[in-house]
N, C-alpha and C. Protein backbone atom coordinates (compact mmCIF):
# COMPACT_ATOMS: atom_id res chain seq x y z
N MET A 1 0.86 -1.23 -0.07
CA MET A 1 0.09 -0.08 0.03
C MET A 1 0.81 1.35 0.03
N THR A 2 0.13 2.32 -0.86
CA THR A 2 1.35 3.56 -1.04
C THR A 2 0.19 4.67 -0.37
N ASP A 3 0.98 5.55 0.74
CA ASP A 3 0.03 6.65 1.46
C ASP A 3 -0.98 5.87 1.84
N ASP A 4 -1.05 4.72 2.47
CA ASP A 4 -1.97 4.18 3.18
C ASP A 4 -3.17 3.80 2.38
N LYS A 5 -3.17 3.96 1.04
CA LYS A 5 -4.26 3.66 -0.11
C LYS A 5 -4.02 2.37 -0.27
N VAL A 6 -5.14 1.54 -0.56
CA VAL A 6 -5.20 0.07 -1.02
C VAL A 6 -5.46 0.53 -2.62
N ARG A 7 -4.57 0.04 -3.48
CA ARG A 7 -4.67 0.00 -4.72
C ARG A 7 -5.03 -1.30 -5.47
N ILE A 8 -6.37 -1.16 -6.08
CA ILE A 8 -7.04 -2.48 -6.54
C ILE A 8 -7.23 -2.52 -8.09
N VAL A 9 -7.61 -3.63 -8.55
CA VAL A 9 -7.79 -3.87 -9.89
C VAL A 9 -9.23 -4.74 -9.75
N VAL A 10 -10.09 -4.17 -10.47
CA VAL A 10 -11.51 -4.87 -10.54
C VAL A 10 -11.66 -5.85 -11.62
N VAL A 11 -11.92 -7.04 -11.56
CA VAL A 11 -12.11 -7.87 -12.75
C VAL A 11 -13.43 -8.55 -12.80
N ASP A 12 -14.16 -8.42 -14.02
CA ASP A 12 -15.38 -8.82 -14.04
C ASP A 12 -15.70 -8.69 -15.55
N ASP A 13 -16.32 -9.83 -16.33
CA ASP A 13 -16.63 -9.80 -17.75
C ASP A 13 -17.95 -9.09 -17.96
N HIS A 14 -18.56 -8.86 -16.97
CA HIS A 14 -19.87 -8.11 -17.12
C HIS A 14 -19.75 -6.61 -17.01
N ALA A 15 -19.73 -5.69 -17.83
CA ALA A 15 -19.18 -4.62 -17.97
C ALA A 15 -20.44 -3.57 -17.00
N VAL A 16 -21.40 -3.79 -17.09
CA VAL A 16 -22.51 -2.98 -16.08
C VAL A 16 -21.92 -3.39 -14.65
N MET A 17 -21.78 -4.63 -14.05
CA MET A 17 -21.24 -5.18 -12.94
C MET A 17 -20.14 -4.42 -12.50
N ARG A 18 -19.06 -4.59 -13.59
CA ARG A 18 -17.75 -3.95 -13.09
C ARG A 18 -17.96 -2.44 -13.01
N ALA A 19 -18.69 -1.82 -13.74
CA ALA A 19 -18.76 -0.25 -13.41
C ALA A 19 -19.37 0.09 -12.09
N GLY A 20 -20.43 -0.98 -11.82
CA GLY A 20 -21.14 -0.88 -10.40
C GLY A 20 -20.27 -1.06 -9.20
N VAL A 21 -19.15 -1.94 -9.31
CA VAL A 21 -18.40 -2.18 -8.33
C VAL A 21 -17.20 -0.78 -8.19
N VAL A 22 -16.81 -0.47 -9.61
CA VAL A 22 -16.00 0.81 -9.44
C VAL A 22 -16.72 1.96 -8.77
N ALA A 23 -18.16 2.11 -9.09
CA ALA A 23 -18.77 3.16 -8.50
C ALA A 23 -18.97 3.18 -6.94
N LEU A 24 -19.20 2.03 -6.69
CA LEU A 24 -19.20 1.79 -5.18
C LEU A 24 -17.99 1.92 -4.36
N LEU A 25 -16.98 1.72 -5.15
CA LEU A 25 -15.70 2.04 -4.51
C LEU A 25 -15.05 3.35 -4.55
N ALA A 26 -15.61 4.08 -5.31
CA ALA A 26 -15.17 5.52 -5.87
C ALA A 26 -14.99 6.38 -4.66
N SER A 27 -15.93 6.36 -3.74
CA SER A 27 -15.92 7.38 -2.81
C SER A 27 -15.59 6.68 -1.60
N ALA A 28 -15.10 5.27 -1.67
CA ALA A 28 -14.67 4.77 -0.15
C ALA A 28 -13.13 5.17 -0.08
N PRO A 29 -13.02 6.09 1.20
CA PRO A 29 -11.70 6.42 1.65
C PRO A 29 -10.62 5.43 1.72
N GLY A 30 -9.64 5.84 1.32
CA GLY A 30 -8.33 4.95 1.39
C GLY A 30 -8.38 3.84 0.18
N ILE A 31 -9.04 3.81 -0.51
CA ILE A 31 -9.14 2.74 -1.55
C ILE A 31 -8.96 3.53 -3.14
N GLU A 32 -8.42 3.01 -4.06
CA GLU A 32 -8.20 3.54 -5.29
C GLU A 32 -8.12 2.53 -6.13
N VAL A 33 -9.20 2.62 -7.08
CA VAL A 33 -9.09 1.48 -8.39
C VAL A 33 -8.26 1.98 -9.20
N VAL A 34 -7.14 1.21 -9.55
CA VAL A 34 -6.14 1.66 -10.63
C VAL A 34 -6.36 1.11 -12.09
N ALA A 35 -7.40 0.12 -12.37
CA ALA A 35 -7.55 -0.39 -13.70
C ALA A 35 -8.60 -1.53 -13.36
N GLU A 36 -9.25 -1.62 -14.53
CA GLU A 36 -10.39 -2.87 -14.81
C GLU A 36 -9.88 -3.69 -15.66
N ALA A 37 -10.40 -4.99 -15.81
CA ALA A 37 -10.18 -5.94 -16.75
C ALA A 37 -11.64 -6.75 -16.82
N ALA A 38 -11.67 -7.33 -18.14
CA ALA A 38 -12.56 -7.95 -18.57
C ALA A 38 -12.50 -9.55 -18.52
N ASN A 39 -11.52 -10.00 -18.31
CA ASN A 39 -11.34 -11.24 -18.29
C ASN A 39 -10.05 -11.60 -17.34
N GLY A 40 -9.86 -12.93 -17.31
CA GLY A 40 -8.64 -13.35 -16.40
C GLY A 40 -7.22 -12.99 -16.91
N ARG A 41 -7.18 -13.05 -18.34
CA ARG A 41 -6.04 -12.89 -18.87
C ARG A 41 -5.50 -11.48 -18.68
N GLU A 42 -6.51 -10.56 -19.00
CA GLU A 42 -6.32 -9.17 -18.90
C GLU A 42 -5.86 -8.88 -17.24
N ALA A 43 -6.62 -9.46 -16.58
CA ALA A 43 -6.11 -9.25 -15.02
C ALA A 43 -4.83 -9.71 -14.82
N VAL A 44 -4.24 -10.75 -15.22
CA VAL A 44 -2.84 -11.34 -14.74
C VAL A 44 -2.10 -10.11 -15.49
N GLU A 45 -2.22 -9.88 -16.64
CA GLU A 45 -1.35 -8.71 -17.17
C GLU A 45 -1.45 -7.43 -16.57
N LEU A 46 -2.32 -6.91 -16.17
CA LEU A 46 -2.62 -5.80 -15.21
C LEU A 46 -1.85 -5.78 -14.30
N VAL A 47 -2.19 -6.68 -13.51
CA VAL A 47 -1.66 -7.06 -12.13
C VAL A 47 -0.13 -7.21 -12.38
N GLU A 48 0.56 -7.81 -13.21
CA GLU A 48 2.08 -7.92 -13.48
C GLU A 48 2.56 -6.61 -13.67
N ARG A 49 1.93 -5.58 -14.60
CA ARG A 49 2.41 -4.37 -14.62
C ARG A 49 2.20 -3.26 -13.57
N LEU A 50 1.10 -3.45 -12.94
CA LEU A 50 0.69 -2.41 -11.91
C LEU A 50 1.09 -2.67 -10.56
N ARG A 51 1.05 -3.83 -10.31
CA ARG A 51 1.27 -4.42 -8.84
C ARG A 51 0.40 -3.69 -7.82
N PRO A 52 -1.11 -4.05 -8.12
CA PRO A 52 -1.90 -3.56 -6.95
C PRO A 52 -2.02 -4.47 -5.66
N ASP A 53 -2.55 -3.84 -4.73
CA ASP A 53 -2.58 -4.65 -3.32
C ASP A 53 -3.48 -5.60 -3.57
N VAL A 54 -4.65 -5.45 -4.24
CA VAL A 54 -5.76 -6.37 -4.14
C VAL A 54 -6.25 -6.42 -5.53
N ALA A 55 -6.54 -7.69 -6.03
CA ALA A 55 -7.14 -8.08 -7.34
C ALA A 55 -8.64 -8.54 -6.64
N LEU A 56 -9.72 -7.86 -7.17
CA LEU A 56 -11.15 -8.07 -7.13
C LEU A 56 -11.43 -8.90 -8.06
N VAL A 57 -11.84 -9.94 -7.93
CA VAL A 57 -11.78 -11.34 -9.42
C VAL A 57 -13.34 -11.92 -9.29
N ASP A 58 -13.97 -11.84 -10.65
CA ASP A 58 -14.88 -12.69 -10.87
C ASP A 58 -14.57 -14.12 -10.83
N LEU A 59 -15.56 -15.10 -10.68
CA LEU A 59 -15.11 -16.42 -10.76
C LEU A 59 -15.12 -17.01 -12.30
N ARG A 60 -16.33 -16.65 -12.73
CA ARG A 60 -16.60 -17.18 -14.10
C ARG A 60 -16.45 -16.05 -15.28
N MET A 61 -15.35 -16.49 -16.06
CA MET A 61 -15.01 -15.32 -17.10
C MET A 61 -14.53 -15.94 -18.44
N PRO A 62 -14.47 -15.64 -19.51
CA PRO A 62 -14.04 -16.04 -20.28
C PRO A 62 -12.53 -15.98 -20.53
N VAL A 63 -11.83 -16.58 -21.53
CA VAL A 63 -10.33 -16.61 -21.80
C VAL A 63 -9.56 -17.11 -20.77
N LEU A 64 -9.81 -16.76 -19.52
CA LEU A 64 -8.97 -17.07 -18.08
C LEU A 64 -10.11 -16.84 -17.13
N ASP A 65 -10.71 -17.96 -16.56
CA ASP A 65 -11.38 -17.67 -15.42
C ASP A 65 -10.96 -17.32 -14.14
N GLY A 66 -11.77 -17.06 -13.19
CA GLY A 66 -10.92 -16.49 -11.87
C GLY A 66 -10.01 -17.17 -11.15
N VAL A 67 -10.30 -18.65 -11.08
CA VAL A 67 -9.49 -19.66 -10.31
C VAL A 67 -8.03 -19.58 -11.30
N GLU A 68 -8.12 -19.61 -12.46
CA GLU A 68 -7.05 -19.83 -13.39
C GLU A 68 -6.26 -18.80 -13.34
N ALA A 69 -6.70 -17.35 -13.27
CA ALA A 69 -6.19 -16.19 -13.16
C ALA A 69 -5.59 -16.14 -11.75
N THR A 70 -6.28 -16.52 -10.93
CA THR A 70 -5.58 -16.56 -9.36
C THR A 70 -4.41 -17.22 -9.36
N THR A 71 -4.83 -18.37 -9.98
CA THR A 71 -3.26 -19.19 -9.85
C THR A 71 -2.10 -18.60 -10.38
N GLU A 72 -2.36 -17.86 -11.76
CA GLU A 72 -1.27 -17.23 -12.32
C GLU A 72 -0.74 -16.04 -11.43
N ILE A 73 -1.72 -15.10 -10.84
CA ILE A 73 -1.21 -14.13 -10.01
C ILE A 73 -0.21 -14.57 -8.89
N VAL A 74 -0.98 -15.61 -8.38
CA VAL A 74 -0.10 -16.15 -6.85
C VAL A 74 1.00 -16.49 -7.50
N SER A 75 1.22 -17.19 -8.39
CA SER A 75 2.53 -18.17 -8.63
C SER A 75 3.73 -17.10 -9.20
N ARG A 76 3.16 -16.17 -9.75
CA ARG A 76 3.97 -15.02 -10.08
C ARG A 76 4.62 -14.10 -9.05
N GLY A 77 4.02 -14.23 -8.01
CA GLY A 77 4.20 -13.41 -6.67
C GLY A 77 4.55 -11.89 -6.81
N PRO A 78 3.44 -11.29 -7.06
CA PRO A 78 3.89 -9.79 -7.27
C PRO A 78 3.21 -9.03 -5.82
N GLY A 79 2.82 -10.15 -4.99
CA GLY A 79 2.49 -9.41 -3.66
C GLY A 79 1.22 -9.00 -3.85
N THR A 80 0.13 -9.29 -4.96
CA THR A 80 -1.32 -9.03 -5.02
C THR A 80 -2.03 -9.86 -4.37
N ARG A 81 -2.81 -9.40 -3.37
CA ARG A 81 -4.03 -10.51 -2.74
C ARG A 81 -5.11 -10.75 -3.75
N VAL A 82 -5.71 -11.85 -3.78
CA VAL A 82 -6.85 -12.30 -4.80
C VAL A 82 -8.20 -12.32 -3.90
N LEU A 83 -9.13 -11.47 -4.25
CA LEU A 83 -10.36 -11.67 -3.60
C LEU A 83 -11.21 -12.02 -4.58
N ILE A 84 -11.82 -12.94 -4.43
CA ILE A 84 -12.92 -13.42 -5.23
C ILE A 84 -14.35 -12.68 -4.91
N LEU A 85 -14.88 -12.43 -5.83
CA LEU A 85 -16.45 -11.55 -5.75
C LEU A 85 -17.04 -12.32 -7.00
N THR A 86 -18.25 -13.12 -6.35
CA THR A 86 -18.76 -13.82 -7.31
C THR A 86 -20.44 -14.06 -6.91
N THR A 87 -21.10 -14.67 -7.47
CA THR A 87 -22.58 -15.21 -7.33
C THR A 87 -22.51 -16.84 -6.89
N TYR A 88 -21.31 -17.45 -7.24
CA TYR A 88 -21.47 -18.73 -7.17
C TYR A 88 -20.94 -19.14 -5.76
N GLU A 89 -21.73 -20.25 -5.19
CA GLU A 89 -21.17 -20.73 -3.91
C GLU A 89 -21.06 -21.98 -3.71
N THR A 90 -21.03 -22.62 -4.70
CA THR A 90 -21.03 -24.19 -4.57
C THR A 90 -19.68 -24.50 -4.03
N ASP A 91 -19.58 -25.65 -3.32
CA ASP A 91 -18.27 -26.21 -2.54
C ASP A 91 -17.18 -26.25 -3.57
N ALA A 92 -17.45 -26.76 -4.73
CA ALA A 92 -16.40 -26.96 -5.59
C ALA A 92 -15.88 -25.68 -6.16
N ASP A 93 -16.42 -24.85 -6.16
CA ASP A 93 -15.97 -23.23 -6.40
C ASP A 93 -15.19 -22.78 -5.49
N ILE A 94 -15.66 -22.72 -4.40
CA ILE A 94 -15.13 -22.38 -3.15
C ILE A 94 -13.60 -23.05 -3.00
N GLU A 95 -13.64 -24.35 -3.12
CA GLU A 95 -12.35 -24.96 -2.80
C GLU A 95 -11.44 -24.88 -3.82
N ARG A 96 -12.05 -24.72 -5.17
CA ARG A 96 -10.78 -24.41 -6.16
C ARG A 96 -10.48 -23.02 -6.00
N ALA A 97 -11.16 -21.75 -5.74
CA ALA A 97 -10.56 -20.77 -5.60
C ALA A 97 -9.57 -20.82 -4.34
N VAL A 98 -9.76 -21.21 -3.43
CA VAL A 98 -8.99 -21.27 -2.04
C VAL A 98 -7.88 -21.96 -2.36
N GLU A 99 -8.12 -23.30 -3.04
CA GLU A 99 -6.57 -23.86 -3.28
C GLU A 99 -5.84 -23.34 -4.23
N ALA A 100 -6.34 -22.40 -5.33
CA ALA A 100 -5.75 -21.68 -6.16
C ALA A 100 -4.78 -20.39 -5.36
N GLY A 101 -5.12 -20.28 -4.18
CA GLY A 101 -4.49 -19.04 -3.50
C GLY A 101 -5.40 -17.88 -3.21
N ALA A 102 -6.56 -18.05 -3.49
CA ALA A 102 -7.31 -16.61 -3.10
C ALA A 102 -7.55 -16.33 -1.59
N ILE A 103 -7.13 -15.24 -1.01
CA ILE A 103 -7.41 -14.69 0.22
C ILE A 103 -8.51 -14.74 0.90
N GLY A 104 -9.51 -14.45 -0.05
CA GLY A 104 -10.86 -14.45 0.37
C GLY A 104 -11.95 -14.91 -0.88
N TYR A 105 -13.26 -14.72 -0.32
CA TYR A 105 -14.49 -15.28 -1.32
C TYR A 105 -15.74 -14.48 -0.68
N LEU A 106 -16.14 -13.57 -1.64
CA LEU A 106 -17.36 -12.90 -1.31
C LEU A 106 -18.44 -13.04 -2.38
N LEU A 107 -19.60 -12.79 -1.70
CA LEU A 107 -20.74 -13.11 -2.75
C LEU A 107 -21.10 -11.63 -3.18
N LYS A 108 -21.83 -11.45 -4.33
CA LYS A 108 -22.08 -10.22 -4.90
C LYS A 108 -23.29 -9.55 -4.21
N ASP A 109 -23.96 -10.32 -3.32
CA ASP A 109 -25.07 -9.50 -2.47
C ASP A 109 -24.33 -8.83 -1.25
N THR A 110 -23.00 -8.87 -1.36
CA THR A 110 -22.29 -8.23 -0.06
C THR A 110 -22.73 -6.81 -0.03
N THR A 111 -22.58 -6.20 1.08
CA THR A 111 -22.77 -4.70 0.93
C THR A 111 -21.74 -3.86 0.84
N ARG A 112 -21.83 -2.68 0.60
CA ARG A 112 -20.55 -1.58 0.09
C ARG A 112 -19.67 -1.62 1.45
N GLU A 113 -20.05 -1.55 2.65
CA GLU A 113 -19.26 -1.52 3.79
C GLU A 113 -18.87 -2.82 3.87
N GLN A 114 -19.37 -3.84 3.84
CA GLN A 114 -18.56 -5.20 3.74
C GLN A 114 -17.51 -5.41 2.87
N LEU A 115 -17.70 -4.91 1.53
CA LEU A 115 -16.86 -5.17 0.57
C LEU A 115 -15.73 -4.10 0.87
N VAL A 116 -15.95 -2.89 1.15
CA VAL A 116 -14.66 -2.11 1.66
C VAL A 116 -13.97 -2.69 2.66
N ASP A 117 -14.59 -3.23 3.70
CA ASP A 117 -14.00 -3.69 4.78
C ASP A 117 -12.93 -4.90 4.25
N ALA A 118 -13.65 -5.57 3.62
CA ALA A 118 -13.00 -7.02 3.28
C ALA A 118 -11.73 -6.72 2.31
N ILE A 119 -11.62 -5.61 1.47
CA ILE A 119 -10.58 -5.22 0.76
C ILE A 119 -9.44 -4.78 1.52
N ARG A 120 -9.95 -4.05 2.56
CA ARG A 120 -8.78 -3.23 3.60
C ARG A 120 -8.19 -4.53 4.09
N ALA A 121 -9.05 -5.68 4.71
CA ALA A 121 -8.51 -6.89 5.38
C ALA A 121 -7.66 -7.75 4.59
N ALA A 122 -8.07 -7.78 3.17
CA ALA A 122 -7.33 -8.81 2.02
C ALA A 122 -5.94 -8.04 2.12
N ALA A 123 -5.88 -6.71 1.93
CA ALA A 123 -4.57 -5.94 1.78
C ALA A 123 -3.81 -6.11 2.82
N ARG A 124 -3.99 -6.44 4.06
CA ARG A 124 -3.58 -6.78 5.37
C ARG A 124 -2.96 -7.87 5.43
N GLY A 125 -3.67 -9.02 4.53
CA GLY A 125 -3.01 -10.42 4.66
C GLY A 125 -4.09 -11.32 5.22
N GLU A 126 -5.13 -10.66 5.44
CA GLU A 126 -6.42 -11.38 6.38
C GLU A 126 -7.19 -12.21 5.44
N THR A 127 -7.58 -13.24 5.95
CA THR A 127 -8.56 -14.10 5.04
C THR A 127 -9.94 -13.49 5.31
N VAL A 128 -10.54 -13.43 4.42
CA VAL A 128 -11.92 -12.77 4.18
C VAL A 128 -12.93 -13.88 3.54
N LEU A 129 -14.10 -14.26 4.15
CA LEU A 129 -15.00 -14.98 3.82
C LEU A 129 -16.40 -14.66 3.95
N ALA A 130 -17.33 -14.81 3.04
CA ALA A 130 -18.80 -14.57 3.16
C ALA A 130 -19.40 -15.15 4.28
N PRO A 131 -20.13 -15.09 5.22
CA PRO A 131 -20.58 -15.92 6.04
C PRO A 131 -21.24 -16.94 5.69
N ARG A 132 -21.75 -17.23 4.59
CA ARG A 132 -22.40 -18.44 3.89
C ARG A 132 -21.35 -19.41 3.71
N VAL A 133 -20.28 -18.79 2.87
CA VAL A 133 -19.13 -19.39 2.47
C VAL A 133 -18.48 -19.94 3.66
N ALA A 134 -18.19 -19.17 4.65
CA ALA A 134 -17.50 -19.77 5.85
C ALA A 134 -18.19 -21.13 6.26
N GLN A 135 -19.79 -20.55 6.53
CA GLN A 135 -20.25 -21.99 7.01
C GLN A 135 -20.06 -23.00 6.12
N ARG A 136 -20.32 -23.05 4.84
CA ARG A 136 -20.25 -24.33 4.05
C ARG A 136 -18.89 -24.83 4.24
N LEU A 137 -17.75 -24.25 4.41
CA LEU A 137 -16.32 -24.69 4.54
C LEU A 137 -16.21 -25.24 5.89
N VAL A 138 -16.95 -24.85 7.04
CA VAL A 138 -16.85 -25.42 8.42
C VAL A 138 -17.64 -26.62 8.16
N ALA A 139 -18.83 -26.80 7.53
CA ALA A 139 -19.82 -28.00 7.31
C ALA A 139 -18.80 -28.91 6.67
N ARG A 140 -17.97 -28.62 5.73
CA ARG A 140 -17.55 -29.47 4.68
C ARG A 140 -16.21 -30.26 5.80
N MET A 141 -15.49 -29.22 6.57
CA MET A 141 -14.54 -29.87 7.35
C MET A 141 -15.10 -30.83 8.40
N ARG A 142 -16.39 -30.64 8.68
CA ARG A 142 -16.88 -31.30 9.73
C ARG A 142 -17.20 -32.66 9.34
N GLN A 143 -17.17 -33.03 7.79
CA GLN A 143 -18.09 -34.13 7.42
C GLN A 143 -16.83 -35.22 7.57
N PRO A 144 -17.23 -36.60 7.84
CA PRO A 144 -16.25 -37.32 7.91
C PRO A 144 -15.59 -37.92 6.68
N ALA A 145 -14.25 -38.22 6.72
CA ALA A 145 -13.29 -38.42 5.59
C ALA A 145 -14.01 -39.49 4.99
N PRO A 146 -13.89 -39.64 3.77
CA PRO A 146 -14.37 -40.74 3.18
C PRO A 146 -13.64 -42.09 3.12
N VAL A 147 -14.11 -43.27 3.38
CA VAL A 147 -13.16 -44.19 3.82
C VAL A 147 -12.65 -44.80 2.15
N ALA A 148 -11.38 -45.16 2.54
CA ALA A 148 -10.52 -45.60 1.39
C ALA A 148 -10.28 -46.98 1.43
N LEU A 149 -10.80 -47.97 0.67
CA LEU A 149 -10.17 -49.27 0.75
C LEU A 149 -9.17 -49.66 -0.16
N THR A 150 -8.13 -50.32 0.21
CA THR A 150 -6.98 -50.96 -0.90
C THR A 150 -7.65 -51.75 -1.89
N ALA A 151 -7.05 -52.16 -2.93
CA ALA A 151 -7.54 -52.91 -3.89
C ALA A 151 -7.79 -54.29 -3.52
N ARG A 152 -6.52 -54.74 -2.72
CA ARG A 152 -6.78 -55.99 -2.17
C ARG A 152 -8.07 -56.32 -1.01
N GLU A 153 -8.25 -55.32 -0.29
CA GLU A 153 -9.41 -55.08 0.86
C GLU A 153 -10.56 -55.17 -0.14
N VAL A 154 -10.98 -54.58 -1.27
CA VAL A 154 -11.87 -54.76 -2.26
C VAL A 154 -12.14 -56.27 -2.62
N ASP A 155 -10.89 -56.72 -2.76
CA ASP A 155 -11.05 -58.21 -3.35
C ASP A 155 -11.67 -59.09 -2.41
N VAL A 156 -11.20 -58.77 -1.14
CA VAL A 156 -11.36 -59.65 0.13
C VAL A 156 -12.88 -59.40 0.52
N LEU A 157 -13.32 -58.36 0.22
CA LEU A 157 -14.86 -57.93 0.73
C LEU A 157 -15.63 -58.52 -0.66
N ASN A 158 -15.48 -58.74 -1.60
CA ASN A 158 -16.21 -59.31 -2.83
C ASN A 158 -16.16 -60.79 -2.66
N ALA A 159 -14.95 -61.22 -2.07
CA ALA A 159 -15.09 -62.74 -2.01
C ALA A 159 -15.80 -63.11 -0.77
N VAL A 160 -16.06 -62.24 0.18
CA VAL A 160 -16.85 -62.04 1.13
C VAL A 160 -18.22 -62.27 0.98
N ALA A 161 -18.68 -61.32 -0.06
CA ALA A 161 -19.95 -61.11 -0.81
C ALA A 161 -20.21 -62.42 -1.25
N ASP A 162 -19.29 -63.10 -1.92
CA ASP A 162 -19.66 -64.40 -2.71
C ASP A 162 -19.88 -65.57 -1.67
N GLY A 163 -19.71 -65.34 -0.40
CA GLY A 163 -19.90 -66.11 0.49
C GLY A 163 -18.65 -67.20 1.01
N LEU A 164 -17.73 -66.87 0.42
CA LEU A 164 -16.45 -67.57 0.91
C LEU A 164 -15.81 -67.65 2.21
N SER A 165 -15.29 -68.56 2.77
CA SER A 165 -14.72 -68.83 4.04
C SER A 165 -13.40 -68.20 4.01
N ASN A 166 -12.69 -67.62 5.15
CA ASN A 166 -11.35 -67.15 5.04
C ASN A 166 -10.38 -68.29 4.41
N ALA A 167 -10.56 -69.44 4.60
CA ALA A 167 -9.66 -70.34 3.67
C ALA A 167 -9.75 -70.19 2.34
N ASP A 168 -11.13 -70.12 1.61
CA ASP A 168 -11.53 -70.16 0.32
C ASP A 168 -11.13 -68.76 -0.28
N ILE A 169 -11.09 -67.76 0.61
CA ILE A 169 -10.71 -66.31 0.06
C ILE A 169 -8.94 -66.47 -0.01
N GLY A 170 -8.49 -66.99 0.91
CA GLY A 170 -7.00 -67.24 0.70
C GLY A 170 -6.42 -67.82 -0.78
N ARG A 171 -7.41 -69.01 -0.97
CA ARG A 171 -7.18 -69.75 -1.98
C ARG A 171 -7.31 -69.01 -3.38
N ARG A 172 -8.66 -68.27 -3.19
CA ARG A 172 -8.87 -67.58 -4.48
C ARG A 172 -7.99 -66.27 -4.74
N LEU A 173 -7.15 -65.69 -3.71
CA LEU A 173 -6.39 -64.64 -4.14
C LEU A 173 -4.82 -64.96 -3.82
N VAL A 174 -4.68 -66.35 -3.60
CA VAL A 174 -3.59 -66.78 -3.29
C VAL A 174 -2.77 -65.99 -2.14
N ILE A 175 -3.43 -65.97 -1.32
CA ILE A 175 -2.47 -65.41 0.00
C ILE A 175 -3.11 -66.32 1.30
N ALA A 176 -1.98 -66.07 2.09
CA ALA A 176 -2.37 -66.94 3.51
C ALA A 176 -3.55 -66.73 4.38
N GLU A 177 -4.34 -67.58 4.90
CA GLU A 177 -5.43 -67.44 5.31
C GLU A 177 -5.23 -66.24 6.55
N ALA A 178 -4.27 -66.34 7.31
CA ALA A 178 -3.88 -65.15 8.40
C ALA A 178 -3.82 -63.85 7.65
N THR A 179 -3.37 -63.76 6.36
CA THR A 179 -3.41 -62.68 5.90
C THR A 179 -4.71 -61.96 5.40
N VAL A 180 -5.56 -62.98 5.29
CA VAL A 180 -6.90 -62.72 5.00
C VAL A 180 -7.77 -62.22 6.19
N LYS A 181 -7.33 -62.76 7.14
CA LYS A 181 -7.75 -62.51 8.61
C LYS A 181 -7.52 -60.67 9.10
N THR A 182 -6.19 -60.51 8.72
CA THR A 182 -5.50 -59.13 8.79
C THR A 182 -6.17 -58.05 8.11
N HIS A 183 -6.50 -58.62 6.61
CA HIS A 183 -7.41 -57.71 5.66
C HIS A 183 -8.66 -57.37 6.55
N LEU A 184 -9.39 -58.28 6.95
CA LEU A 184 -10.86 -58.18 7.41
C LEU A 184 -10.67 -57.39 8.59
N LEU A 185 -9.68 -57.51 9.28
CA LEU A 185 -9.56 -56.65 10.61
C LEU A 185 -9.46 -55.22 10.16
N ARG A 186 -8.69 -54.92 9.04
CA ARG A 186 -8.54 -53.74 8.49
C ARG A 186 -9.60 -53.01 8.18
N ILE A 187 -10.59 -53.98 7.51
CA ILE A 187 -11.48 -53.58 6.91
C ILE A 187 -12.78 -53.13 8.07
N PHE A 188 -12.85 -53.88 8.94
CA PHE A 188 -13.57 -53.83 9.87
C PHE A 188 -13.53 -52.59 10.71
N ALA A 189 -12.21 -51.95 11.01
CA ALA A 189 -11.78 -50.88 11.66
C ALA A 189 -12.38 -49.82 10.80
N LYS A 190 -11.87 -49.83 9.47
CA LYS A 190 -12.14 -48.75 8.60
C LYS A 190 -13.67 -48.43 8.47
N LEU A 191 -14.59 -49.48 8.55
CA LEU A 191 -15.84 -49.33 8.16
C LEU A 191 -16.61 -49.12 9.39
N ASP A 192 -15.96 -49.40 10.55
CA ASP A 192 -16.61 -49.55 11.86
C ASP A 192 -17.80 -50.35 12.07
N VAL A 193 -17.18 -51.69 11.80
CA VAL A 193 -18.22 -52.83 11.95
C VAL A 193 -17.55 -54.03 12.95
N SER A 194 -18.45 -54.86 13.08
CA SER A 194 -17.55 -55.92 13.86
C SER A 194 -17.70 -57.29 13.40
N ASP A 195 -18.44 -57.44 12.09
CA ASP A 195 -18.55 -58.84 11.41
C ASP A 195 -18.49 -58.54 9.86
N ARG A 196 -18.55 -59.88 9.34
CA ARG A 196 -18.35 -59.83 7.93
C ARG A 196 -19.55 -59.17 7.25
N THR A 197 -20.90 -59.98 7.46
CA THR A 197 -21.79 -59.46 6.81
C THR A 197 -22.21 -58.02 6.91
N HIS A 198 -22.30 -57.46 8.13
CA HIS A 198 -22.32 -55.65 8.05
C HIS A 198 -21.21 -55.07 7.40
N ALA A 199 -19.90 -55.88 7.30
CA ALA A 199 -18.93 -54.96 6.44
C ALA A 199 -19.61 -55.01 4.94
N VAL A 200 -19.98 -56.14 4.51
CA VAL A 200 -20.44 -56.09 3.02
C VAL A 200 -21.61 -55.07 2.80
N VAL A 201 -22.54 -54.92 3.77
CA VAL A 201 -23.58 -54.32 3.83
C VAL A 201 -23.08 -52.81 3.66
N VAL A 202 -22.18 -52.48 4.75
CA VAL A 202 -21.90 -51.15 4.75
C VAL A 202 -20.90 -50.64 3.39
N ALA A 203 -20.25 -51.56 2.99
CA ALA A 203 -19.51 -51.37 1.61
C ALA A 203 -20.20 -51.11 0.54
N LEU A 204 -21.53 -51.95 0.47
CA LEU A 204 -22.56 -51.83 -0.85
C LEU A 204 -23.25 -50.29 -0.54
N GLU A 205 -23.59 -50.05 0.89
CA GLU A 205 -24.37 -48.72 0.95
C GLU A 205 -23.52 -47.69 0.45
N ARG A 206 -22.03 -47.74 0.75
CA ARG A 206 -21.10 -46.61 0.65
C ARG A 206 -20.75 -46.74 -1.00
N GLY A 207 -20.86 -47.68 -1.60
CA GLY A 207 -20.45 -47.80 -3.09
C GLY A 207 -19.08 -48.32 -3.26
N LEU A 208 -18.48 -48.59 -2.01
CA LEU A 208 -17.12 -49.36 -1.91
C LEU A 208 -17.33 -50.64 -2.92
N ILE A 209 -18.16 -51.37 -2.87
CA ILE A 209 -18.28 -52.47 -3.68
C ILE A 209 -19.69 -52.58 -4.53
N THR A 210 -19.86 -53.35 -5.50
CA THR A 210 -20.99 -53.26 -6.10
C THR A 210 -21.44 -54.54 -6.50
N ARG A 211 -21.03 -55.58 -5.66
CA ARG A 211 -21.63 -57.01 -5.86
C ARG A 211 -22.79 -57.14 -4.97
N PRO A 212 -23.77 -57.83 -5.25
CA PRO A 212 -24.96 -58.19 -4.43
C PRO A 212 -24.51 -59.04 -3.21
N LEU A 213 -25.05 -59.00 -2.42
CA LEU A 213 -25.10 -60.11 -1.30
C LEU A 213 -25.78 -61.55 -1.90
N PRO A 214 -25.17 -62.65 -1.49
CA PRO A 214 -25.51 -64.02 -1.79
C PRO A 214 -26.68 -64.19 -1.39
């Protein structure tokens, strides 16, 4: 920041929306819009040339979308913080933007005061999230991690679904019966079950195997 002013580039492919954002920020003290871009490629070029403090970037744009532009801006390391401003709030959109390096994610229904505060916070290096976006991220983090079975564990479960005994499973997979038992114990732990039938039922419910019960 220079002279305590936050220098920003506004990036949006919709001219009316872009003009509206610029107008909203025109009278905000301590904020200066130094350029506008209509797509991600223009944004990357402007950021590299002007080195603004914050790039306010739309998500869905032609030529180079907001996520791709964010990736390029962050990877080139000009010190510009990327703040996403969009109408989209799906988990996939949010995760892609955050993974690309965006410092914040706002929705276009945000108020002028919230937008100004967010821009200033982003310039200071603070993470800024719209309340609904924050709620979605927290809910996502609280979801149990998906269970991942190894290919061999899936083979064992499929054999169990076929009604084979541990000895028969060993012969089918050409492994020791003790190894079959070890695989089953690991499967039980991963699926939080205590018996073979329940393991198959849970695996079918979660789509880990697709074979029907015998």
